[in-house]
Amino acid sequence: MFITLEGGEGAGKTTQSILLAERFRVARYIVRQTREPGGTPLAGAIRAVLLHPDASLTALRGVGLASGDEPIEPMLPTTEVLLLSAARAQHVARIRKWLATGEVVICDRYTDATRVYQGAGRGFALNDITVAERLATGGLMPDLTLLFDLPVEEGQRRRQHARSAGGEWNRIDAESIAFHERVRAAYLALAATEPARWLVFDATLPPASLAEQVWEAVQARLPETGEAHLP
């Protein structure tokens, strides 16, 4: 079973991914927890360039893998889509292997995030995103997608709090409120068009209460027999 988690910044996807994976392990499933962009060493390196291009260039210069001292130019939406697709192609190759052995795969973000962030957020053409998506995934789609919906103001408050505590802050976090509002609206619209795959959760709930709702909903979607069970 391939499960993806989606939502705006600060929605708590990472926490819920960890808690869901723990529930599967307690239930004696073999589970793999992963994320996008990332999931492999090469895809993780692309993630660093996507989210922290200035720091990535500085690091490359520091070890002699980039030359010059010109400041990095703004990243184009086209570049974002292509880099995301390159990272996804590497990742999907691993996901397919995991699924082939009967594992449950829980992935923090997948193709829907590109449609929402680069499509609705950046205004990149959906047809072009679809072409890149097909090339990167070979048609691999989630069995179930969990959307953690959160008002943008609350998401930004959470991210700022995490930042003040030493957490990561990247260039997507720093986008305008209008950008994040487009992202939220696009997620809800996607969920409404494909209710058989999407489940929407109120991410303002306490993490433990939210995790209970998630596990109850996921259990109802599990196959009656599963090769992923441990002996």
Foldseek 3Di string as FASTA:
>chain_A
DEEEEDEFFQLCLVVLLVLLVVVCVVVQFAAAEEEPCPQDVVSVLLVCCLWPVQVSQVVCVVVPNDDDDDGDDDDDLVNNLLSRLVSLLVNLVVVVVCVVQFHYYYYYDDLLLCCQQSCQLVVPDPVVSVVSNCVRNVPDDGQAYEYRADQLVVSLVSVVVCVVVVHDDTPVSVDDSVSSVSSRVSVVVVCVVCVSHYDYDHSVDPPVVRSVVVNVVVVVVDDPDTSRGDD
